[in-house]
Amino acid sequence: MTHQKNAVNSAFWPLFRFDPREAQNGQHPFHLDSRKPTMSFREYASKEGRFAALQRSNPEEAARLFELAQKDINDQWHFYEQMAGVEREIPAMTT
């Protein structure tokens, strides 16, 4: 359970919900349930055997890949924050 919590805390696995029916009620359909990341991806990944093995066998490449992964996670998180704040209005249907 701790490992899954760390995945969420690092934003490697963010928690969110999307329910388009809420837009019909004037609410946001996208909800970002995770809090801002409190742990780096490197800290999370270092606890997994596959990433720890990479760090031992090729530390320079591991550092480069951790940086790329963190950048991707940061970009995704920013996108999710934007999605959670987007105002949507469904046009009235004409029949």
PDB file of N, CA and C in Angstrom:
ATOM      1  N   MET A   1       0.813  -1.194   0.000  1.00  0.00           N
ATOM      2  CA  MET A   1       0.000   0.000   0.000  1.00  0.00           C
ATOM      3  C   MET A   1       0.862   1.266   0.000  1.00  0.00           C
ATOM      4  N   THR A   2       1.973   1.219   0.692  1.00  0.00           N
ATOM      5  CA  THR A   2       2.856   2.379   0.745  1.00  0.00           C
ATOM      6  C   THR A   2       3.398   2.703  -0.640  1.00  0.00           C
ATOM      7  N   HIS A   3       3.713   1.667  -1.402  1.00  0.00           N
ATOM      8  CA  HIS A   3       4.260   1.892  -2.745  1.00  0.00           C
ATOM      9  C   HIS A   3       3.232   2.588  -3.641  1.00  0.00           C
ATOM     10  N   GLN A   4       1.964   2.175  -3.559  1.00  0.00           N
ATOM     11  CA  GLN A   4       0.922   2.822  -4.353  1.00  0.00           C
ATOM     12  C   GLN A   4       0.741   4.276  -3.906  1.00  0.00           C
ATOM     13  N   LYS A   5       0.792   4.514  -2.605  1.00  0.00           N
ATOM     14  CA  LYS A   5       0.675   5.886  -2.096  1.00  0.00           C
ATOM     15  C   LYS A   5       1.827   6.741  -2.608  1.00  0.00           C
ATOM     16  N   ASN A   6       3.027   6.171  -2.642  1.00  0.00           N
ATOM     17  CA  ASN A   6       4.181   6.914  -3.161  1.00  0.00           C
ATOM     18  C   ASN A   6       4.036   7.197  -4.653  1.00  0.00           C
ATOM     19  N   ALA A   7       3.437   6.281  -5.398  1.00  0.00           N
ATOM     20  CA  ALA A   7       3.196   6.518  -6.826  1.00  0.00           C
ATOM     21  C   ALA A   7       2.286   7.731  -7.010  1.00  0.00           C
ATOM     22  N   VAL A   8       1.287   7.854  -6.160  1.00  0.00           N
ATOM     23  CA  VAL A   8       0.374   9.005  -6.214  1.00  0.00           C
ATOM     24  C   VAL A   8       1.092  10.258  -5.735  1.00  0.00           C
ATOM     25  N   ASN A   9       1.852  10.150  -4.645  1.00  0.00           N
ATOM     26  CA  ASN A   9       2.560  11.317  -4.094  1.00  0.00           C
ATOM     27  C   ASN A   9       3.624  11.872  -5.028  1.00  0.00           C
ATOM     28  N   SER A  10       4.134  11.043  -5.919  1.00  0.00           N
ATOM     29  CA  SER A  10       5.130  11.509  -6.888  1.00  0.00           C
ATOM     30  C   SER A  10       4.480  12.003  -8.178  1.00  0.00           C
ATOM     31  N   ALA A  11       3.166  11.832  -8.293  1.00  0.00           N
ATOM     32  CA  ALA A  11       2.381  12.173  -9.491  1.00  0.00           C
ATOM     33  C   ALA A  11       2.705  11.255 -10.663  1.00  0.00           C
ATOM     34  N   PHE A  12       3.405  10.153 -10.394  1.00  0.00           N
ATOM     35  CA  PHE A  12       3.606   9.146 -11.427  1.00  0.00           C
ATOM     36  C   PHE A  12       2.261   8.511 -11.766  1.00  0.00           C
ATOM     37  N   TRP A  13       1.391   8.405 -10.765  1.00  0.00           N
ATOM     38  CA  TRP A  13       0.063   7.834 -10.953  1.00  0.00           C
ATOM     39  C   TRP A  13      -0.946   8.778 -10.301  1.00  0.00           C
ATOM     40  N   PRO A  14      -1.289   9.887 -10.966  1.00  0.00           N
ATOM     41  CA  PRO A  14      -2.231  10.839 -10.357  1.00  0.00           C
ATOM     42  C   PRO A  14      -3.648  10.277 -10.335  1.00  0.00           C
ATOM     43  N   LEU A  15      -4.382  10.699  -9.350  1.00  0.00           N
ATOM     44  CA  LEU A  15      -5.771  10.271  -9.220  1.00  0.00           C
ATOM     45  C   LEU A  15      -6.680  11.382  -9.738  1.00  0.00           C
ATOM     46  N   PHE A  16      -7.568  11.023 -10.657  1.00  0.00           N
ATOM     47  CA  PHE A  16      -8.517  11.990 -11.187  1.00  0.00           C
ATOM     48  C   PHE A  16      -9.785  11.265 -11.605  1.00  0.00           C
ATOM     49  N   ARG A  17     -10.855  12.050 -11.759  1.00  0.00           N
ATOM     50  CA  ARG A  17     -12.144  11.525 -12.225  1.00  0.00           C
ATOM     51  C   ARG A  17     -12.649  12.420 -13.347  1.00  0.00           C
ATOM     52  N   PHE A  18     -13.360  11.829 -14.267  1.00  0.00           N
ATOM     53  CA  PHE A  18     -14.000  12.590 -15.335  1.00  0.00           C
ATOM     54  C   PHE A  18     -15.417  12.058 -15.504  1.00  0.00           C
ATOM     55  N   ASP A  19     -16.386  12.930 -15.321  1.00  0.00           N
ATOM     56  CA  ASP A  19     -17.786  12.553 -15.477  1.00  0.00           C
ATOM     57  C   ASP A  19     -18.473  13.632 -16.314  1.00  0.00           C
ATOM     58  N   PRO A  20     -18.682  13.386 -17.610  1.00  0.00           N
ATOM     59  CA  PRO A  20     -19.267  14.412 -18.479  1.00  0.00           C
ATOM     60  C   PRO A  20     -20.685  14.819 -18.071  1.00  0.00           C
ATOM     61  N   ARG A  21     -21.365  13.995 -17.295  1.00  0.00           N
ATOM     62  CA  ARG A  21     -22.723  14.358 -16.848  1.00  0.00           C
ATOM     63  C   ARG A  21     -22.698  15.571 -15.932  1.00  0.00           C
ATOM     64  N   GLU A  22     -21.593  15.787 -15.227  1.00  0.00           N
ATOM     65  CA  GLU A  22     -21.512  16.936 -14.323  1.00  0.00           C
ATOM     66  C   GLU A  22     -21.516  18.254 -15.077  1.00  0.00           C
ATOM     67  N   ALA A  23     -21.044  18.258 -16.312  1.00  0.00           N
ATOM     68  CA  ALA A  23     -21.050  19.478 -17.124  1.00  0.00           C
ATOM     69  C   ALA A  23     -22.480  19.930 -17.403  1.00  0.00           C
ATOM     70  N   GLN A  24     -23.393  18.981 -17.496  1.00  0.00           N
ATOM     71  CA  GLN A  24     -24.791  19.330 -17.733  1.00  0.00           C
ATOM     72  C   GLN A  24     -25.408  20.030 -16.534  1.00  0.00           C
ATOM     73  N   ASN A  25     -24.830  19.823 -15.359  1.00  0.00           N
ATOM     74  CA  ASN A  25     -25.312  20.467 -14.141  1.00  0.00           C
ATOM     75  C   ASN A  25     -24.514  21.721 -13.799  1.00  0.00           C
ATOM     76  N   GLY A  26     -23.680  22.174 -14.731  1.00  0.00           N
ATOM     77  CA  GLY A  26     -22.896  23.385 -14.515  1.00  0.00           C
ATOM     78  C   GLY A  26     -21.658  23.167 -13.663  1.00  0.00           C
ATOM     79  N   GLN A  27     -21.263  21.931 -13.439  1.00  0.00           N
ATOM     80  CA  GLN A  27     -20.078  21.637 -12.645  1.00  0.00           C
ATOM     81  C   GLN A  27     -18.926  21.221 -13.555  1.00  0.00           C
ATOM     82  N   HIS A  28     -17.739  21.173 -12.993  1.00  0.00           N
ATOM     83  CA  HIS A  28     -16.576  20.711 -13.748  1.00  0.00           C
ATOM     84  C   HIS A  28     -16.649  19.201 -13.917  1.00  0.00           C
ATOM     85  N   PRO A  29     -16.498  18.702 -15.129  1.00  0.00           N
ATOM     86  CA  PRO A  29     -16.529  17.247 -15.316  1.00  0.00           C
ATOM     87  C   PRO A  29     -15.212  16.573 -14.931  1.00  0.00           C
ATOM     88  N   PHE A  30     -14.108  17.332 -14.890  1.00  0.00           N
ATOM     89  CA  PHE A  30     -12.800  16.770 -14.569  1.00  0.00           C
ATOM     90  C   PHE A  30     -12.421  17.169 -13.148  1.00  0.00           C
ATOM     91  N   HIS A  31     -12.097  16.184 -12.326  1.00  0.00           N
ATOM     92  CA  HIS A  31     -11.700  16.432 -10.942  1.00  0.00           C
ATOM     93  C   HIS A  31     -10.327  15.822 -10.707  1.00  0.00           C
ATOM     94  N   LEU A  32      -9.387  16.638 -10.291  1.00  0.00           N
ATOM     95  CA  LEU A  32      -8.056  16.173  -9.938  1.00  0.00           C
ATOM     96  C   LEU A  32      -8.072  15.880  -8.444  1.00  0.00           C
ATOM     97  N   ASP A  33      -8.077  14.607  -8.100  1.00  0.00           N
ATOM     98  CA  ASP A  33      -8.193  14.202  -6.700  1.00  0.00           C
ATOM     99  C   ASP A  33      -6.856  14.183  -5.974  1.00  0.00           C
ATOM    100  N   SER A  34      -5.762  14.043  -6.691  1.00  0.00           N
ATOM    101  CA  SER A  34      -4.438  14.039  -6.069  1.00  0.00           C
ATOM    102  C   SER A  34      -4.049  15.453  -5.659  1.00  0.00           C
ATOM    103  N   ARG A  35      -3.253  15.509  -4.616  1.00  0.00           N
ATOM    104  CA  ARG A  35      -2.650  16.781  -4.225  1.00  0.00           C
ATOM    105  C   ARG A  35      -1.388  16.989  -5.044  1.00  0.00           C
ATOM    106  N   LYS A  36      -0.838  18.197  -4.964  1.00  0.00           N
ATOM    107  CA  LYS A  36       0.430  18.461  -5.661  1.00  0.00           C
ATOM    108  C   LYS A  36       1.458  17.431  -5.223  1.00  0.00           C
ATOM    109  N   PRO A  37       2.363  17.060  -6.123  1.00  0.00           N
ATOM    110  CA  PRO A  37       3.371  16.058  -5.772  1.00  0.00           C
ATOM    111  C   PRO A  37       4.219  16.484  -4.571  1.00  0.00           C
ATOM    112  N   THR A  38       4.470  15.527  -3.692  1.00  0.00           N
ATOM    113  CA  THR A  38       5.291  15.786  -2.508  1.00  0.00           C
ATOM    114  C   THR A  38       6.574  14.959  -2.535  1.00  0.00           C
ATOM    115  N   MET A  39       6.772  14.220  -3.609  1.00  0.00           N
ATOM    116  CA  MET A  39       7.927  13.335  -3.730  1.00  0.00           C
ATOM    117  C   MET A  39       8.385  13.367  -5.182  1.00  0.00           C
ATOM    118  N   SER A  40       9.682  13.275  -5.388  1.00  0.00           N
ATOM    119  CA  SER A  40      10.195  13.264  -6.758  1.00  0.00           C
ATOM    120  C   SER A  40      10.028  11.867  -7.361  1.00  0.00           C
ATOM    121  N   PHE A  41      10.029  11.833  -8.685  1.00  0.00           N
ATOM    122  CA  PHE A  41       9.947  10.539  -9.353  1.00  0.00           C
ATOM    123  C   PHE A  41      11.163   9.687  -9.009  1.00  0.00           C
ATOM    124  N   ARG A  42      12.332  10.310  -8.935  1.00  0.00           N
ATOM    125  CA  ARG A  42      13.559   9.573  -8.603  1.00  0.00           C
ATOM    126  C   ARG A  42      13.415   8.868  -7.255  1.00  0.00           C
ATOM    127  N   GLU A  43      12.872   9.572  -6.275  1.00  0.00           N
ATOM    128  CA  GLU A  43      12.686   8.985  -4.950  1.00  0.00           C
ATOM    129  C   GLU A  43      11.733   7.793  -5.012  1.00  0.00           C
ATOM    130  N   TYR A  44      10.648   7.939  -5.770  1.00  0.00           N
ATOM    131  CA  TYR A  44       9.688   6.847  -5.933  1.00  0.00           C
ATOM    132  C   TYR A  44      10.313   5.680  -6.698  1.00  0.00           C
ATOM    133  N   ALA A  45      10.942   5.972  -7.824  1.00  0.00           N
ATOM    134  CA  ALA A  45      11.454   4.928  -8.703  1.00  0.00           C
ATOM    135  C   ALA A  45      12.622   4.173  -8.076  1.00  0.00           C
ATOM    136  N   SER A  46      13.380   4.818  -7.222  1.00  0.00           N
ATOM    137  CA  SER A  46      14.528   4.163  -6.600  1.00  0.00           C
ATOM    138  C   SER A  46      14.118   2.992  -5.726  1.00  0.00           C
ATOM    139  N   LYS A  47      12.861   2.927  -5.353  1.00  0.00           N
ATOM    140  CA  LYS A  47      12.369   1.832  -4.512  1.00  0.00           C
ATOM    141  C   LYS A  47      11.910   0.633  -5.335  1.00  0.00           C
ATOM    142  N   GLU A  48      11.957   0.755  -6.655  1.00  0.00           N
ATOM    143  CA  GLU A  48      11.586  -0.354  -7.534  1.00  0.00           C
ATOM    144  C   GLU A  48      12.851  -1.013  -8.056  1.00  0.00           C
ATOM    145  N   GLY A  49      12.850  -2.334  -8.078  1.00  0.00           N
ATOM    146  CA  GLY A  49      14.022  -3.090  -8.490  1.00  0.00           C
ATOM    147  C   GLY A  49      14.515  -2.744  -9.880  1.00  0.00           C
ATOM    148  N   ARG A  50      13.612  -2.580 -10.816  1.00  0.00           N
ATOM    149  CA  ARG A  50      14.024  -2.313 -12.200  1.00  0.00           C
ATOM    150  C   ARG A  50      14.769  -0.991 -12.330  1.00  0.00           C
ATOM    151  N   PHE A  51      14.324   0.024 -11.586  1.00  0.00           N
ATOM    152  CA  PHE A  51      14.990   1.318 -11.646  1.00  0.00           C
ATOM    153  C   PHE A  51      16.266   1.324 -10.810  1.00  0.00           C
ATOM    154  N   ALA A  52      16.247   0.627  -9.684  1.00  0.00           N
ATOM    155  CA  ALA A  52      17.443   0.522  -8.849  1.00  0.00           C
ATOM    156  C   ALA A  52      18.553  -0.197  -9.616  1.00  0.00           C
ATOM    157  N   ALA A  53      18.188  -1.237 -10.378  1.00  0.00           N
ATOM    158  CA  ALA A  53      19.179  -1.961 -11.178  1.00  0.00           C
ATOM    159  C   ALA A  53      19.783  -1.047 -12.242  1.00  0.00           C
ATOM    160  N   LEU A  54      18.968  -0.215 -12.851  1.00  0.00           N
ATOM    161  CA  LEU A  54      19.479   0.727 -13.844  1.00  0.00           C
ATOM    162  C   LEU A  54      20.440   1.716 -13.201  1.00  0.00           C
ATOM    163  N   GLN A  55      20.103   2.189 -12.013  1.00  0.00           N
ATOM    164  CA  GLN A  55      20.987   3.125 -11.316  1.00  0.00           C
ATOM    165  C   GLN A  55      22.339   2.487 -11.009  1.00  0.00           C
ATOM    166  N   ARG A  56      22.331   1.214 -10.647  1.00  0.00           N
ATOM    167  CA  ARG A  56      23.590   0.527 -10.338  1.00  0.00           C
ATOM    168  C   ARG A  56      24.406   0.250 -11.605  1.00  0.00           C
ATOM    169  N   SER A  57      23.723  -0.144 -12.680  1.00  0.00           N
ATOM    170  CA  SER A  57      24.449  -0.547 -13.886  1.00  0.00           C
ATOM    171  C   SER A  57      24.881   0.628 -14.761  1.00  0.00           C
ATOM    172  N   ASN A  58      24.085   1.702 -14.770  1.00  0.00           N
ATOM    173  CA  ASN A  58      24.409   2.842 -15.628  1.00  0.00           C
ATOM    174  C   ASN A  58      23.889   4.129 -14.977  1.00  0.00           C
ATOM    175  N   PRO A  59      24.597   4.631 -13.964  1.00  0.00           N
ATOM    176  CA  PRO A  59      24.098   5.781 -13.201  1.00  0.00           C
ATOM    177  C   PRO A  59      23.865   7.047 -14.029  1.00  0.00           C
ATOM    178  N   GLU A  60      24.725   7.287 -15.031  1.00  0.00           N
ATOM    179  CA  GLU A  60      24.562   8.500 -15.838  1.00  0.00           C
ATOM    180  C   GLU A  60      23.281   8.435 -16.667  1.00  0.00           C
ATOM    181  N   GLU A  61      23.048   7.299 -17.286  1.00  0.00           N
ATOM    182  CA  GLU A  61      21.830   7.134 -18.098  1.00  0.00           C
ATOM    183  C   GLU A  61      20.593   7.151 -17.210  1.00  0.00           C
ATOM    184  N   ALA A  62      20.691   6.544 -16.036  1.00  0.00           N
ATOM    185  CA  ALA A  62      19.569   6.553 -15.098  1.00  0.00           C
ATOM    186  C   ALA A  62      19.224   7.986 -14.708  1.00  0.00           C
ATOM    187  N   ALA A  63      20.238   8.799 -14.423  1.00  0.00           N
ATOM    188  CA  ALA A  63      19.994  10.196 -14.051  1.00  0.00           C
ATOM    189  C   ALA A  63      19.321  10.950 -15.192  1.00  0.00           C
ATOM    190  N   ARG A  64      19.775  10.704 -16.413  1.00  0.00           N
ATOM    191  CA  ARG A  64      19.168  11.369 -17.579  1.00  0.00           C
ATOM    192  C   ARG A  64      17.707  10.949 -17.736  1.00  0.00           C
ATOM    193  N   LEU A  65      17.444   9.673 -17.594  1.00  0.00           N
ATOM    194  CA  LEU A  65      16.072   9.182 -17.756  1.00  0.00           C
ATOM    195  C   LEU A  65      15.163   9.654 -16.624  1.00  0.00           C
ATOM    196  N   PHE A  66      15.696   9.729 -15.405  1.00  0.00           N
ATOM    197  CA  PHE A  66      14.903  10.255 -14.289  1.00  0.00           C
ATOM    198  C   PHE A  66      14.527  11.711 -14.535  1.00  0.00           C
ATOM    199  N   GLU A  67      15.455  12.480 -15.069  1.00  0.00           N
ATOM    200  CA  GLU A  67      15.161  13.883 -15.381  1.00  0.00           C
ATOM    201  C   GLU A  67      14.070  13.991 -16.442  1.00  0.00           C
ATOM    202  N   LEU A  68      14.173  13.178 -17.488  1.00  0.00           N
ATOM    203  CA  LEU A  68      13.151  13.186 -18.540  1.00  0.00           C
ATOM    204  C   LEU A  68      11.790  12.772 -17.991  1.00  0.00           C
ATOM    205  N   ALA A  69      11.789  11.745 -17.159  1.00  0.00           N
ATOM    206  CA  ALA A  69      10.533  11.282 -16.572  1.00  0.00           C
ATOM    207  C   ALA A  69       9.926  12.364 -15.681  1.00  0.00           C
ATOM    208  N   GLN A  70      10.761  13.036 -14.880  1.00  0.00           N
ATOM    209  CA  GLN A  70      10.254  14.088 -14.002  1.00  0.00           C
ATOM    210  C   GLN A  70       9.682  15.240 -14.809  1.00  0.00           C
ATOM    211  N   LYS A  71      10.339  15.598 -15.907  1.00  0.00           N
ATOM    212  CA  LYS A  71       9.819  16.671 -16.762  1.00  0.00           C
ATOM    213  C   LYS A  71       8.458  16.280 -17.328  1.00  0.00           C
ATOM    214  N   ASP A  72       8.338  15.041 -17.787  1.00  0.00           N
ATOM    215  CA  ASP A  72       7.066  14.570 -18.318  1.00  0.00           C
ATOM    216  C   ASP A  72       5.984  14.582 -17.244  1.00  0.00           C
ATOM    217  N   ILE A  73       6.307  14.136 -16.051  1.00  0.00           N
ATOM    218  CA  ILE A  73       5.353  14.135 -14.942  1.00  0.00           C
ATOM    219  C   ILE A  73       4.929  15.558 -14.614  1.00  0.00           C
ATOM    220  N   ASN A  74       5.886  16.489 -14.571  1.00  0.00           N
ATOM    221  CA  ASN A  74       5.559  17.894 -14.284  1.00  0.00           C
ATOM    222  C   ASN A  74       4.642  18.482 -15.355  1.00  0.00           C
ATOM    223  N   ASP A  75       4.923  18.177 -16.627  1.00  0.00           N
ATOM    224  CA  ASP A  75       4.084  18.672 -17.724  1.00  0.00           C
ATOM    225  C   ASP A  75       2.668  18.104 -17.628  1.00  0.00           C
ATOM    226  N   GLN A  76       2.572  16.809 -17.369  1.00  0.00           N
ATOM    227  CA  GLN A  76       1.247  16.173 -17.238  1.00  0.00           C
ATOM    228  C   GLN A  76       0.480  16.780 -16.071  1.00  0.00           C
ATOM    229  N   TRP A  77       1.172  16.992 -14.951  1.00  0.00           N
ATOM    230  CA  TRP A  77       0.515  17.557 -13.770  1.00  0.00           C
ATOM    231  C   TRP A  77      -0.035  18.948 -14.088  1.00  0.00           C
ATOM    232  N   HIS A  78       0.764  19.751 -14.780  1.00  0.00           N
ATOM    233  CA  HIS A  78       0.320  21.093 -15.163  1.00  0.00           C
ATOM    234  C   HIS A  78      -0.915  21.007 -16.064  1.00  0.00           C
ATOM    235  N   PHE A  79      -0.903  20.061 -16.988  1.00  0.00           N
ATOM    236  CA  PHE A  79      -2.053  19.861 -17.872  1.00  0.00           C
ATOM    237  C   PHE A  79      -3.293  19.473 -17.069  1.00  0.00           C
ATOM    238  N   TYR A  80      -3.145  18.569 -16.122  1.00  0.00           N
ATOM    239  CA  TYR A  80      -4.288  18.156 -15.298  1.00  0.00           C
ATOM    240  C   TYR A  80      -4.821  19.318 -14.465  1.00  0.00           C
ATOM    241  N   GLU A  81      -3.929  20.151 -13.941  1.00  0.00           N
ATOM    242  CA  GLU A  81      -4.376  21.326 -13.189  1.00  0.00           C
ATOM    243  C   GLU A  81      -5.176  22.266 -14.088  1.00  0.00           C
ATOM    244  N   GLN A  82      -4.714  22.433 -15.326  1.00  0.00           N
ATOM    245  CA  GLN A  82      -5.450  23.273 -16.263  1.00  0.00           C
ATOM    246  C   GLN A  82      -6.816  22.669 -16.571  1.00  0.00           C
ATOM    247  N   MET A  83      -6.839  21.355 -16.793  1.00  0.00           N
ATOM    248  CA  MET A  83      -8.109  20.684 -17.094  1.00  0.00           C
ATOM    249  C   MET A  83      -9.107  20.848 -15.956  1.00  0.00           C
ATOM    250  N   ALA A  84      -8.622  20.777 -14.719  1.00  0.00           N
ATOM    251  CA  ALA A  84      -9.505  20.890 -13.562  1.00  0.00           C
ATOM    252  C   ALA A  84     -10.094  22.292 -13.448  1.00  0.00           C
ATOM    253  N   GLY A  85      -9.416  23.291 -14.032  1.00  0.00           N
ATOM    254  CA  GLY A  85      -9.889  24.660 -13.931  1.00  0.00           C
ATOM    255  C   GLY A  85     -10.625  25.170 -15.154  1.00  0.00           C
ATOM    256  N   VAL A  86     -10.783  24.349 -16.171  1.00  0.00           N
ATOM    257  CA  VAL A  86     -11.421  24.780 -17.416  1.00  0.00           C
ATOM    258  C   VAL A  86     -12.924  24.908 -17.204  1.00  0.00           C
ATOM    259  N   GLU A  87     -13.440  26.039 -17.614  1.00  0.00           N
ATOM    260  CA  GLU A  87     -14.891  26.246 -17.583  1.00  0.00           C
ATOM    261  C   GLU A  87     -15.482  25.696 -18.867  1.00  0.00           C
ATOM    262  N   ARG A  88     -16.501  24.904 -18.741  1.00  0.00           N
ATOM    263  CA  ARG A  88     -17.157  24.341 -19.923  1.00  0.00           C
ATOM    264  C   ARG A  88     -18.631  24.686 -19.880  1.00  0.00           C
ATOM    265  N   GLU A  89     -19.128  24.982 -21.029  1.00  0.00           N
ATOM    266  CA  GLU A  89     -20.566  25.236 -21.140  1.00  0.00           C
ATOM    267  C   GLU A  89     -21.072  24.427 -22.308  1.00  0.00           C
ATOM    268  N   ILE A  90     -22.075  23.638 -22.061  1.00  0.00           N
ATOM    269  CA  ILE A  90     -22.653  22.826 -23.112  1.00  0.00           C
ATOM    270  C   ILE A  90     -23.735  23.649 -23.797  1.00  0.00           C
ATOM    271  N   PRO A  91     -23.620  23.808 -25.120  1.00  0.00           N
ATOM    272  CA  PRO A  91     -24.623  24.602 -25.822  1.00  0.00           C
ATOM    273  C   PRO A  91     -25.995  23.929 -25.751  1.00  0.00           C
ATOM    274  N   ALA A  92     -27.006  24.755 -25.721  1.00  0.00           N
ATOM    275  CA  ALA A  92     -28.367  24.236 -25.692  1.00  0.00           C
ATOM    276  C   ALA A  92     -28.654  23.526 -27.005  1.00  0.00           C
ATOM    277  N   MET A  93     -29.324  22.411 -26.897  1.00  0.00           N
ATOM    278  CA  MET A  93     -29.647  21.629 -28.094  1.00  0.00           C
ATOM    279  C   MET A  93     -30.951  22.176 -28.695  1.00  0.00           C
ATOM    280  N   THR A  94     -30.955  22.311 -29.992  1.00  0.00           N
ATOM    281  CA  THR A  94     -32.160  22.764 -30.681  1.00  0.00           C
ATOM    282  C   THR A  94     -32.742  21.578 -31.426  1.00  0.00           C
ATOM    283  N   THR A  95     -34.032  21.434 -31.313  1.00  0.00           N
ATOM    284  CA  THR A  95     -34.695  20.318 -32.016  1.00  0.00           C
ATOM    285  C   THR A  95     -35.767  20.813 -32.914  1.00  0.00           C
TER     286      THR A  95
END
